[in-house]
């Protein structure tokens, strides 16, 4: 089992930045594909960013391209999401997810992921 705990959320003004972290325990996530999703009130989990198991491949939702950066530190068993130029529409609960996969495909469907954290709240004031 993999346990995921997110941190780094908070309240920020539009245009500001936040750095989210996802700390894994239970197993090493060095051979897991990882992703961030956002859940807004009344909506399902929306894909934000993906990183493959090596960190060599990343993919982003169109709405965050050029503003967000996903990265991983396998030695620290963590994944990060650097969010810059935040907009009010970026607000929501950000969850990280893990999938035991070392192939080349990119997964944006939340149903693919086996493990989830509880999430961290991001609020962006206009």
N, C-alpha and C. Protein backbone atom coordinates (compact mmCIF):
# COMPACT_ATOMS: atom_id res chain seq x y z
N UNK A 1 0.84 -1.20 0.00
CA UNK A 1 0.00 0.00 0.00
C UNK A 1 0.87 1.24 0.00
N UNK A 2 0.38 2.23 -0.68
CA UNK A 2 1.04 3.54 -0.72
C UNK A 2 0.13 4.55 -0.06
N UNK A 3 0.68 5.28 0.89
CA UNK A 3 -0.05 6.39 1.50
C UNK A 3 0.52 7.70 0.96
N UNK A 4 -0.39 8.59 0.59
CA UNK A 4 0.00 9.88 0.02
C UNK A 4 -0.56 11.01 0.87
N UNK A 5 0.29 11.96 1.20
CA UNK A 5 -0.14 13.11 2.00
C UNK A 5 0.30 14.39 1.30
N UNK A 6 -0.68 15.23 0.97
CA UNK A 6 -0.39 16.49 0.31
C UNK A 6 -0.22 17.62 1.33
N UNK A 7 0.55 18.62 0.94
CA UNK A 7 0.72 19.81 1.76
C UNK A 7 1.06 20.99 0.85
N UNK A 8 0.99 22.18 1.43
CA UNK A 8 1.41 23.37 0.70
C UNK A 8 0.29 24.24 0.18
N UNK A 9 -0.94 23.79 0.37
CA UNK A 9 -2.06 24.61 -0.08
C UNK A 9 -2.24 25.83 0.80
N UNK A 10 -3.16 26.69 0.40
CA UNK A 10 -3.43 27.89 1.18
C UNK A 10 -4.18 28.91 0.37
N UNK A 11 -4.23 30.12 0.93
CA UNK A 11 -4.90 31.25 0.28
C UNK A 11 -3.85 32.14 -0.37
N UNK A 12 -4.06 32.47 -1.62
CA UNK A 12 -3.11 33.31 -2.35
C UNK A 12 -3.89 34.26 -3.25
N UNK A 13 -3.32 35.41 -3.48
CA UNK A 13 -3.95 36.36 -4.40
C UNK A 13 -3.71 35.92 -5.84
N UNK A 14 -4.61 36.31 -6.71
CA UNK A 14 -4.43 36.04 -8.14
C UNK A 14 -3.07 36.58 -8.59
N UNK A 15 -2.36 35.78 -9.36
CA UNK A 15 -1.03 36.14 -9.80
C UNK A 15 0.07 35.60 -8.92
N UNK A 16 -0.30 35.08 -7.76
CA UNK A 16 0.66 34.56 -6.83
C UNK A 16 1.07 33.13 -7.15
N UNK A 17 1.87 32.56 -6.24
CA UNK A 17 2.41 31.21 -6.43
C UNK A 17 2.23 30.36 -5.19
N UNK A 18 2.15 29.07 -5.43
CA UNK A 18 2.16 28.07 -4.36
C UNK A 18 2.96 26.87 -4.84
N UNK A 19 3.55 26.17 -3.89
CA UNK A 19 4.26 24.93 -4.20
C UNK A 19 3.64 23.82 -3.38
N UNK A 20 2.99 22.90 -4.05
CA UNK A 20 2.38 21.76 -3.38
C UNK A 20 3.36 20.60 -3.33
N UNK A 21 3.26 19.83 -2.26
CA UNK A 21 4.07 18.64 -2.12
C UNK A 21 3.19 17.44 -1.83
N UNK A 22 3.64 16.29 -2.29
CA UNK A 22 2.95 15.02 -2.04
C UNK A 22 3.99 14.06 -1.51
N UNK A 23 3.87 13.72 -0.24
CA UNK A 23 4.82 12.81 0.39
C UNK A 23 4.24 11.41 0.43
N UNK A 24 4.99 10.46 -0.04
CA UNK A 24 4.54 9.07 -0.08
C UNK A 24 5.21 8.27 1.03
N UNK A 25 4.48 7.30 1.53
CA UNK A 25 5.02 6.36 2.52
C UNK A 25 4.42 4.99 2.26
N UNK A 26 5.01 4.01 2.92
CA UNK A 26 4.53 2.64 2.74
C UNK A 26 5.33 1.89 1.70
N UNK A 27 5.58 2.53 0.59
CA UNK A 27 6.39 1.96 -0.49
C UNK A 27 7.12 3.10 -1.18
N UNK A 28 8.19 2.75 -1.85
CA UNK A 28 8.83 3.74 -2.68
C UNK A 28 7.99 3.96 -3.93
N UNK A 29 7.86 5.22 -4.35
CA UNK A 29 7.09 5.52 -5.55
C UNK A 29 7.98 5.69 -6.77
N UNK A 30 9.21 5.24 -6.67
CA UNK A 30 10.17 5.44 -7.77
C UNK A 30 9.74 4.73 -9.05
N UNK A 31 8.86 3.75 -8.96
CA UNK A 31 8.38 3.05 -10.15
C UNK A 31 6.89 3.28 -10.36
N UNK A 32 6.41 4.42 -9.87
CA UNK A 32 5.01 4.79 -10.01
C UNK A 32 4.90 6.04 -10.89
N UNK A 33 3.91 6.01 -11.79
CA UNK A 33 3.51 7.24 -12.45
C UNK A 33 2.69 8.05 -11.46
N UNK A 34 2.86 9.36 -11.49
CA UNK A 34 2.19 10.23 -10.53
C UNK A 34 1.45 11.35 -11.24
N UNK A 35 0.42 11.83 -10.59
CA UNK A 35 -0.35 12.93 -11.20
C UNK A 35 -0.98 13.79 -10.12
N UNK A 36 -1.34 14.98 -10.51
CA UNK A 36 -2.13 15.88 -9.68
C UNK A 36 -3.49 16.10 -10.34
N UNK A 37 -4.53 16.09 -9.50
CA UNK A 37 -5.88 16.39 -9.94
C UNK A 37 -6.44 17.49 -9.05
N UNK A 38 -7.40 18.21 -9.59
CA UNK A 38 -8.09 19.24 -8.83
C UNK A 38 -9.57 18.89 -8.75
N UNK A 39 -10.10 19.04 -7.55
CA UNK A 39 -11.53 18.80 -7.36
C UNK A 39 -12.17 20.10 -6.89
N UNK A 40 -13.09 20.60 -7.69
CA UNK A 40 -13.82 21.82 -7.34
C UNK A 40 -15.21 21.40 -6.85
N UNK A 41 -15.87 22.26 -6.07
CA UNK A 41 -17.21 21.92 -5.56
C UNK A 41 -18.17 21.55 -6.66
N UNK A 42 -18.83 20.41 -6.51
CA UNK A 42 -19.81 19.98 -7.48
C UNK A 42 -19.23 19.39 -8.75
N UNK A 43 -17.92 19.23 -8.80
CA UNK A 43 -17.28 18.68 -9.99
C UNK A 43 -16.45 17.46 -9.62
N UNK A 44 -16.15 16.69 -10.59
CA UNK A 44 -15.30 15.53 -10.37
C UNK A 44 -13.84 15.91 -10.33
N UNK A 45 -13.00 14.92 -10.37
CA UNK A 45 -11.56 15.15 -10.34
C UNK A 45 -11.08 15.56 -11.73
N UNK A 46 -10.50 16.74 -11.81
CA UNK A 46 -10.01 17.27 -13.07
C UNK A 46 -8.50 17.11 -13.15
N UNK A 47 -8.04 16.56 -14.26
CA UNK A 47 -6.61 16.36 -14.45
C UNK A 47 -5.87 17.68 -14.50
N UNK A 48 -4.72 17.72 -13.84
CA UNK A 48 -3.89 18.92 -13.84
C UNK A 48 -2.51 18.64 -14.46
N UNK A 49 -1.82 17.62 -13.93
CA UNK A 49 -0.46 17.37 -14.41
C UNK A 49 -0.08 15.92 -14.15
N UNK A 50 0.82 15.41 -14.99
CA UNK A 50 1.29 14.02 -14.93
C UNK A 50 2.81 14.00 -15.04
N UNK A 51 3.40 13.04 -14.33
CA UNK A 51 4.84 12.81 -14.49
C UNK A 51 5.08 11.30 -14.48
N UNK A 52 5.93 10.86 -15.40
CA UNK A 52 6.17 9.42 -15.45
C UNK A 52 7.15 9.00 -14.35
N UNK A 53 7.43 7.69 -14.29
CA UNK A 53 8.17 7.15 -13.14
C UNK A 53 9.60 7.66 -13.08
N UNK A 54 10.18 7.99 -14.22
CA UNK A 54 11.56 8.48 -14.22
C UNK A 54 11.63 9.99 -14.03
N UNK A 55 10.52 10.67 -14.24
CA UNK A 55 10.53 12.13 -14.23
C UNK A 55 10.89 12.72 -15.57
N UNK A 56 11.14 11.88 -16.54
CA UNK A 56 11.56 12.37 -17.85
C UNK A 56 10.44 12.77 -18.77
N UNK A 57 9.22 12.46 -18.40
CA UNK A 57 8.06 12.80 -19.23
C UNK A 57 7.00 13.46 -18.36
N UNK A 58 6.54 14.61 -18.79
CA UNK A 58 5.48 15.32 -18.09
C UNK A 58 4.40 15.73 -19.08
N UNK A 59 3.22 15.96 -18.54
CA UNK A 59 2.08 16.37 -19.38
C UNK A 59 1.15 17.21 -18.53
N UNK A 60 0.56 18.24 -19.17
CA UNK A 60 -0.26 19.19 -18.42
C UNK A 60 -1.61 19.42 -19.09
N UNK A 61 -2.58 19.75 -18.28
CA UNK A 61 -3.85 20.24 -18.82
C UNK A 61 -3.57 21.56 -19.53
N UNK A 62 -4.31 21.81 -20.60
CA UNK A 62 -4.10 23.04 -21.37
C UNK A 62 -4.22 24.28 -20.49
N UNK A 63 -5.11 24.23 -19.52
CA UNK A 63 -5.38 25.40 -18.69
C UNK A 63 -4.21 25.80 -17.80
N UNK A 64 -3.25 24.89 -17.58
CA UNK A 64 -2.14 25.20 -16.68
C UNK A 64 -0.78 25.20 -17.37
N UNK A 65 -0.75 24.86 -18.64
CA UNK A 65 0.52 24.84 -19.37
C UNK A 65 1.22 26.19 -19.31
N UNK A 66 2.49 26.15 -19.02
CA UNK A 66 3.27 27.37 -18.93
C UNK A 66 3.22 28.04 -17.56
N UNK A 67 2.31 27.58 -16.70
CA UNK A 67 2.18 28.18 -15.36
C UNK A 67 2.54 27.19 -14.26
N UNK A 68 2.23 25.91 -14.47
CA UNK A 68 2.47 24.88 -13.46
C UNK A 68 3.61 23.98 -13.91
N UNK A 69 4.35 23.46 -12.92
CA UNK A 69 5.42 22.51 -13.21
C UNK A 69 5.35 21.37 -12.20
N UNK A 70 5.28 20.15 -12.72
CA UNK A 70 5.30 18.97 -11.87
C UNK A 70 6.71 18.41 -11.85
N UNK A 71 7.14 17.95 -10.70
CA UNK A 71 8.47 17.37 -10.57
C UNK A 71 8.42 16.28 -9.50
N UNK A 72 9.47 15.48 -9.46
CA UNK A 72 9.51 14.41 -8.45
C UNK A 72 10.94 14.26 -7.95
N UNK A 73 11.03 13.81 -6.71
CA UNK A 73 12.30 13.50 -6.09
C UNK A 73 12.17 12.08 -5.56
N UNK A 74 12.62 11.13 -6.33
CA UNK A 74 12.44 9.73 -5.94
C UNK A 74 13.25 9.38 -4.70
N UNK A 75 14.34 10.05 -4.49
CA UNK A 75 15.14 9.80 -3.28
C UNK A 75 14.38 10.21 -2.03
N UNK A 76 13.56 11.26 -2.16
CA UNK A 76 12.77 11.75 -1.03
C UNK A 76 11.35 11.19 -1.04
N UNK A 77 11.04 10.40 -2.09
CA UNK A 77 9.69 9.81 -2.20
C UNK A 77 8.60 10.89 -2.23
N UNK A 78 8.87 11.96 -2.96
CA UNK A 78 7.93 13.08 -3.02
C UNK A 78 7.70 13.53 -4.45
N UNK A 79 6.57 14.17 -4.64
CA UNK A 79 6.22 14.80 -5.91
C UNK A 79 5.78 16.22 -5.58
N UNK A 80 6.13 17.15 -6.45
CA UNK A 80 5.79 18.55 -6.22
C UNK A 80 4.99 19.11 -7.39
N UNK A 81 4.24 20.16 -7.09
CA UNK A 81 3.55 20.91 -8.13
C UNK A 81 3.80 22.39 -7.86
N UNK A 82 4.62 23.01 -8.68
CA UNK A 82 4.86 24.44 -8.57
C UNK A 82 3.80 25.17 -9.39
N UNK A 83 3.05 26.03 -8.73
CA UNK A 83 1.96 26.73 -9.40
C UNK A 83 2.24 28.23 -9.38
N UNK A 84 2.41 28.79 -10.55
CA UNK A 84 2.68 30.22 -10.69
C UNK A 84 1.52 30.90 -11.42
N UNK A 85 1.47 32.21 -11.31
CA UNK A 85 0.44 33.01 -11.99
C UNK A 85 -0.95 32.43 -11.74
N UNK A 86 -1.24 32.18 -10.50
CA UNK A 86 -2.50 31.53 -10.15
C UNK A 86 -3.70 32.40 -10.50
N UNK A 87 -4.77 31.74 -10.89
CA UNK A 87 -6.02 32.39 -11.26
C UNK A 87 -7.13 31.88 -10.34
N UNK A 88 -8.20 32.65 -10.17
CA UNK A 88 -9.31 32.18 -9.33
C UNK A 88 -9.86 30.82 -9.77
N UNK A 89 -9.85 30.56 -11.06
CA UNK A 89 -10.36 29.28 -11.55
C UNK A 89 -9.44 28.10 -11.23
N UNK A 90 -8.26 28.35 -10.71
CA UNK A 90 -7.38 27.26 -10.28
C UNK A 90 -7.75 26.73 -8.89
N UNK A 91 -8.65 27.38 -8.23
CA UNK A 91 -9.00 27.00 -6.86
C UNK A 91 -9.65 25.63 -6.80
N UNK A 92 -9.40 24.95 -5.67
CA UNK A 92 -10.00 23.65 -5.45
C UNK A 92 -9.13 22.84 -4.50
N UNK A 93 -9.52 21.60 -4.32
CA UNK A 93 -8.73 20.67 -3.53
C UNK A 93 -7.82 19.90 -4.48
N UNK A 94 -6.53 20.02 -4.24
CA UNK A 94 -5.55 19.36 -5.10
C UNK A 94 -5.12 18.04 -4.47
N UNK A 95 -5.28 16.98 -5.24
CA UNK A 95 -4.93 15.64 -4.79
C UNK A 95 -3.84 15.05 -5.67
N UNK A 96 -2.91 14.36 -5.04
CA UNK A 96 -1.96 13.61 -5.85
C UNK A 96 -2.41 12.16 -5.92
N UNK A 97 -1.99 11.50 -6.99
CA UNK A 97 -2.40 10.14 -7.25
C UNK A 97 -1.22 9.35 -7.79
N UNK A 98 -1.23 8.04 -7.53
CA UNK A 98 -0.13 7.17 -7.94
C UNK A 98 -0.67 5.95 -8.67
N UNK A 99 0.06 5.55 -9.70
CA UNK A 99 -0.29 4.35 -10.45
C UNK A 99 0.99 3.53 -10.66
N UNK A 100 0.92 2.26 -10.35
CA UNK A 100 2.06 1.36 -10.46
C UNK A 100 2.30 1.04 -11.94
N UNK A 101 3.01 1.94 -12.62
CA UNK A 101 3.16 1.84 -14.07
C UNK A 101 4.49 2.43 -14.51
N UNK A 102 5.23 1.68 -15.29
CA UNK A 102 6.53 2.15 -15.76
C UNK A 102 6.61 2.21 -17.28
N UNK A 103 5.46 2.22 -17.94
CA UNK A 103 5.45 2.31 -19.39
C UNK A 103 5.52 3.74 -19.88
N UNK A 104 5.21 3.94 -21.14
CA UNK A 104 5.35 5.25 -21.78
C UNK A 104 4.03 5.99 -21.96
N UNK A 105 2.94 5.40 -21.56
CA UNK A 105 1.66 6.08 -21.74
C UNK A 105 1.48 7.17 -20.70
N UNK A 106 0.63 8.12 -21.06
CA UNK A 106 0.29 9.22 -20.17
C UNK A 106 -1.17 9.07 -19.78
N UNK A 107 -1.45 9.14 -18.49
CA UNK A 107 -2.80 8.90 -18.01
C UNK A 107 -3.41 10.17 -17.41
N UNK A 108 -4.52 10.59 -17.99
CA UNK A 108 -5.25 11.75 -17.45
C UNK A 108 -6.57 11.36 -16.83
N UNK A 109 -6.95 10.10 -16.94
CA UNK A 109 -8.21 9.61 -16.38
C UNK A 109 -8.00 9.21 -14.93
N UNK A 110 -8.73 9.82 -14.00
CA UNK A 110 -8.51 9.50 -12.59
C UNK A 110 -8.79 8.03 -12.25
N UNK A 111 -9.58 7.35 -13.05
CA UNK A 111 -9.92 5.96 -12.75
C UNK A 111 -8.71 5.03 -12.87
N UNK A 112 -7.68 5.49 -13.55
CA UNK A 112 -6.48 4.68 -13.73
C UNK A 112 -5.69 4.55 -12.44
N UNK A 113 -5.75 5.53 -11.60
CA UNK A 113 -4.86 5.63 -10.45
C UNK A 113 -5.35 4.81 -9.26
N UNK A 114 -4.38 4.14 -8.64
CA UNK A 114 -4.70 3.22 -7.57
C UNK A 114 -4.71 3.86 -6.19
N UNK A 115 -3.87 4.87 -6.01
CA UNK A 115 -3.70 5.46 -4.68
C UNK A 115 -3.90 6.97 -4.75
N UNK A 116 -4.55 7.49 -3.70
CA UNK A 116 -4.89 8.91 -3.65
C UNK A 116 -4.60 9.48 -2.28
N UNK A 117 -4.21 10.74 -2.27
CA UNK A 117 -4.13 11.46 -1.01
C UNK A 117 -5.44 12.13 -0.69
N UNK A 118 -5.52 12.75 0.47
CA UNK A 118 -6.75 13.41 0.91
C UNK A 118 -6.91 14.79 0.28
N UNK A 119 -5.81 15.36 -0.15
CA UNK A 119 -5.87 16.64 -0.83
C UNK A 119 -5.48 17.82 0.05
N UNK A 120 -5.15 18.91 -0.60
CA UNK A 120 -4.83 20.16 0.07
C UNK A 120 -5.58 21.28 -0.64
N UNK A 121 -6.17 22.17 0.16
CA UNK A 121 -7.05 23.21 -0.39
C UNK A 121 -6.23 24.37 -0.94
N UNK A 122 -6.58 24.79 -2.14
CA UNK A 122 -6.00 25.98 -2.75
C UNK A 122 -7.12 26.98 -3.00
N UNK A 123 -6.95 28.16 -2.46
CA UNK A 123 -7.92 29.24 -2.65
C UNK A 123 -7.21 30.43 -3.28
N UNK A 124 -7.79 30.97 -4.34
CA UNK A 124 -7.17 32.08 -5.06
C UNK A 124 -8.16 33.24 -5.05
N UNK A 125 -7.76 34.33 -4.44
CA UNK A 125 -8.63 35.51 -4.37
C UNK A 125 -8.36 36.42 -5.55
N UNK A 126 -9.43 37.03 -6.03
CA UNK A 126 -9.30 37.91 -7.21
C UNK A 126 -9.04 39.35 -6.80
